[in-house]
């Protein structure tokens, strides 16, 4: 989905693409870290399922802990990502470019809790040996992402033109 976002942003020109990439470079470490620790849910939940003779209750407890971890890490991440523009200026980026990247990041950061929730649920379905639900969810999400990019980046389908933040 990130590649799709950048493809749409790139059509706006080099400054817009630079702003999008800067914002994503601040966002991705938080996302990658979250994937790393939330991926541990799948083996923990699978172990519980095997130990409890296919009990879903034990698996749910593991997943519930994943949602608690998602909530805590989301709060910390959102507080940090909200300051993206300031951080980019401190790192020596052009203030206009940092402002555009910050505007994009203030929209993008709200996807982190949802993405972390998806990783948690994907682990749950993997432990239950039902990966098709996660596959369908990501396929639908990809299609919605393409349509939303088209609508909000360029102001099509009755949506407002938002340029980079629209992605």
Protein backbone atom coordinates (compact mmCIF):
# COMPACT_ATOMS: atom_id res chain seq x y z
CA UNK A 1 0.00 0.00 0.00
CA UNK A 2 2.90 2.34 0.66
CA UNK A 3 4.10 1.80 -2.89
CA UNK A 4 0.63 2.65 -4.19
CA UNK A 5 0.57 5.79 -2.05
CA UNK A 6 3.91 6.93 -3.44
CA UNK A 7 2.82 6.20 -7.01
CA UNK A 8 -0.12 8.58 -6.62
CA UNK A 9 1.91 11.21 -4.75
CA UNK A 10 4.65 11.00 -7.40
CA UNK A 11 2.22 12.19 -10.05
CA UNK A 12 2.02 15.50 -8.16
CA UNK A 13 5.69 16.22 -8.84
CA UNK A 14 9.11 15.95 -7.17
CA UNK A 15 8.43 18.25 -4.17
CA UNK A 16 5.28 16.30 -3.28
CA UNK A 17 7.09 12.99 -3.67
CA UNK A 18 9.94 14.25 -1.46
CA UNK A 19 7.44 15.30 1.23
CA UNK A 20 5.71 11.91 1.06
CA UNK A 21 8.97 10.00 1.33
CA UNK A 22 10.15 12.13 4.27
CA UNK A 23 6.90 11.48 6.12
CA UNK A 24 7.09 7.75 5.40
CA UNK A 25 10.70 7.65 6.60
CA UNK A 26 9.50 8.91 9.99
CA UNK A 27 6.46 6.61 10.03
CA UNK A 28 8.03 3.32 8.97
CA UNK A 29 10.31 2.72 12.01
CA UNK A 30 7.24 2.82 14.26
CA UNK A 31 5.35 0.47 11.94
CA UNK A 32 8.24 -1.98 11.52
CA UNK A 33 8.83 -2.08 15.28
CA UNK A 34 5.13 -2.79 15.83
CA UNK A 35 5.14 -5.61 13.28
CA UNK A 36 8.15 -7.09 15.03
CA UNK A 37 6.66 -7.38 18.47
CA UNK A 38 3.09 -8.11 17.34
CA UNK A 39 4.29 -11.00 15.18
CA UNK A 40 5.04 -12.83 18.41
CA UNK A 41 1.30 -13.22 18.96
CA UNK A 42 0.98 -15.94 16.29
CA UNK A 43 3.34 -18.48 17.88
CA UNK A 44 2.12 -17.69 21.39
CA UNK A 45 -1.52 -18.11 20.36
CA UNK A 46 -0.72 -21.27 18.38
CA UNK A 47 1.08 -22.73 21.40
CA UNK A 48 -1.93 -21.98 23.58
CA UNK A 49 -4.24 -23.54 21.05
CA UNK A 50 -2.15 -26.70 20.91
CA UNK A 51 -1.69 -26.92 24.67
CA UNK A 52 -5.38 -26.48 25.44
CA UNK A 53 -6.60 -29.07 22.92
CA UNK A 54 -7.86 -26.50 20.42
CA UNK A 55 -9.31 -24.10 23.00
CA UNK A 56 -10.14 -20.74 21.48
CA UNK A 57 -10.36 -19.12 24.94
CA UNK A 58 -6.60 -19.37 25.54
CA UNK A 59 -5.92 -18.03 22.06
CA UNK A 60 -8.20 -15.06 22.72
CA UNK A 61 -6.25 -14.18 25.86
CA UNK A 62 -3.04 -13.96 23.83
CA UNK A 63 -4.71 -11.79 21.22
CA UNK A 64 -6.23 -9.56 23.89
CA UNK A 65 -2.72 -8.89 25.19
CA UNK A 66 -1.77 -7.96 21.63
CA UNK A 67 -4.56 -5.40 21.54
CA UNK A 68 -3.36 -3.93 24.84
CA UNK A 69 0.15 -3.68 23.41
CA UNK A 70 -1.34 -2.06 20.30
CA UNK A 71 -3.14 0.54 22.41
CA UNK A 72 -0.08 1.47 24.44
CA UNK A 73 2.33 1.60 21.51
CA UNK A 74 -0.22 3.51 19.40
CA UNK A 75 -0.49 6.23 22.02
CA UNK A 76 3.28 6.63 22.26
CA UNK A 77 3.68 6.56 18.47
CA UNK A 78 0.90 9.05 17.78
CA UNK A 79 2.40 11.53 20.24
CA UNK A 80 5.79 11.23 18.54
CA UNK A 81 4.52 11.26 14.96
CA UNK A 82 2.40 14.34 15.58
CA UNK A 83 5.68 16.26 15.98
CA UNK A 84 7.00 15.08 12.59
CA UNK A 85 7.24 18.53 11.03
CA UNK A 86 9.25 19.87 13.97
CA UNK A 87 11.57 16.87 13.87
CA UNK A 88 12.19 17.30 10.14
CA UNK A 89 13.06 20.99 10.60
CA UNK A 90 15.45 20.04 13.42
CA UNK A 91 17.07 17.55 11.04
CA UNK A 92 17.76 20.35 8.57
CA UNK A 93 14.96 19.86 6.05
CA UNK A 94 13.50 22.79 4.15
CA UNK A 95 10.66 24.25 6.28
CA UNK A 96 8.18 24.21 3.36
CA UNK A 97 8.99 20.58 2.59
CA UNK A 98 8.81 19.70 6.30
CA UNK A 99 5.40 21.39 6.52
CA UNK A 100 4.05 19.32 3.61
CA UNK A 101 5.53 16.14 5.07
CA UNK A 102 4.10 17.01 8.48
CA UNK A 103 0.62 17.54 7.01
CA UNK A 104 0.81 14.13 5.34
CA UNK A 105 2.16 12.51 8.50
CA UNK A 106 -0.68 13.93 10.61
CA UNK A 107 -3.11 12.00 8.39
CA UNK A 108 -0.93 8.93 7.92
CA UNK A 109 -0.22 8.43 11.62
CA UNK A 110 -3.88 7.48 12.26
CA UNK A 111 -3.41 4.38 10.11
CA UNK A 112 -0.85 2.96 12.56
CA UNK A 113 -3.35 1.73 15.18
CA UNK A 114 -5.46 0.13 12.43
CA UNK A 115 -2.43 -1.54 10.85
CA UNK A 116 -1.33 -2.83 14.24
CA UNK A 117 -4.83 -4.15 14.88
CA UNK A 118 -4.68 -5.92 11.52
CA UNK A 119 -1.37 -7.58 12.43
CA UNK A 120 -2.86 -8.70 15.74
CA UNK A 121 -5.94 -10.18 14.07
CA UNK A 122 -3.81 -11.76 11.35
CA UNK A 123 -1.89 -13.55 14.08
CA UNK A 124 -5.15 -14.70 15.65
CA UNK A 125 -6.41 -16.16 12.38
CA UNK A 126 -3.03 -17.76 11.70
CA UNK A 127 -3.18 -19.49 15.09
CA UNK A 128 -6.65 -20.76 14.22
CA UNK A 129 -5.34 -21.97 10.85
CA UNK A 130 -7.68 -19.65 8.95
CA UNK A 131 -5.45 -17.28 7.00
CA UNK A 132 -8.02 -16.59 4.27
CA UNK A 133 -9.73 -13.91 6.41
CA UNK A 134 -6.49 -11.92 6.63
CA UNK A 135 -5.88 -12.33 2.89
CA UNK A 136 -9.35 -11.08 2.04
CA UNK A 137 -8.97 -8.14 4.44
CA UNK A 138 -5.67 -7.03 2.91
CA UNK A 139 -6.99 -7.45 -0.64
CA UNK A 140 -10.05 -5.33 0.13
CA UNK A 141 -7.85 -2.80 1.94
CA UNK A 142 -5.58 -2.54 -1.09
CA UNK A 143 -8.53 -1.84 -3.42
CA UNK A 144 -9.96 0.74 -1.03
CA UNK A 145 -6.52 2.35 -0.77
CA UNK A 146 -6.24 2.70 -4.56
CA UNK A 147 -9.75 4.19 -4.84
CA UNK A 148 -9.18 6.54 -1.88
CA UNK A 149 -5.83 7.71 -3.31
CA UNK A 150 -7.45 8.43 -6.66
CA UNK A 151 -10.30 10.31 -5.01
CA UNK A 152 -8.47 12.33 -2.37
CA UNK A 153 -5.10 13.04 -3.99
CA UNK A 154 -6.62 14.38 -7.21
CA UNK A 155 -10.09 15.43 -6.00
CA UNK A 156 -12.04 12.90 -8.04
CA UNK A 157 -15.28 11.01 -7.40
CA UNK A 158 -16.69 14.00 -5.51
CA UNK A 159 -13.90 14.05 -2.91
CA UNK A 160 -11.92 17.18 -2.05
CA UNK A 161 -8.49 17.54 -3.67
CA UNK A 162 -6.03 17.12 -0.79
CA UNK A 163 -2.78 16.46 -2.72
CA UNK A 164 -0.15 14.74 -0.54
CA UNK A 165 -2.23 14.48 2.68
CA UNK A 166 -5.02 12.91 0.61
CA UNK A 167 -2.91 9.82 0.14
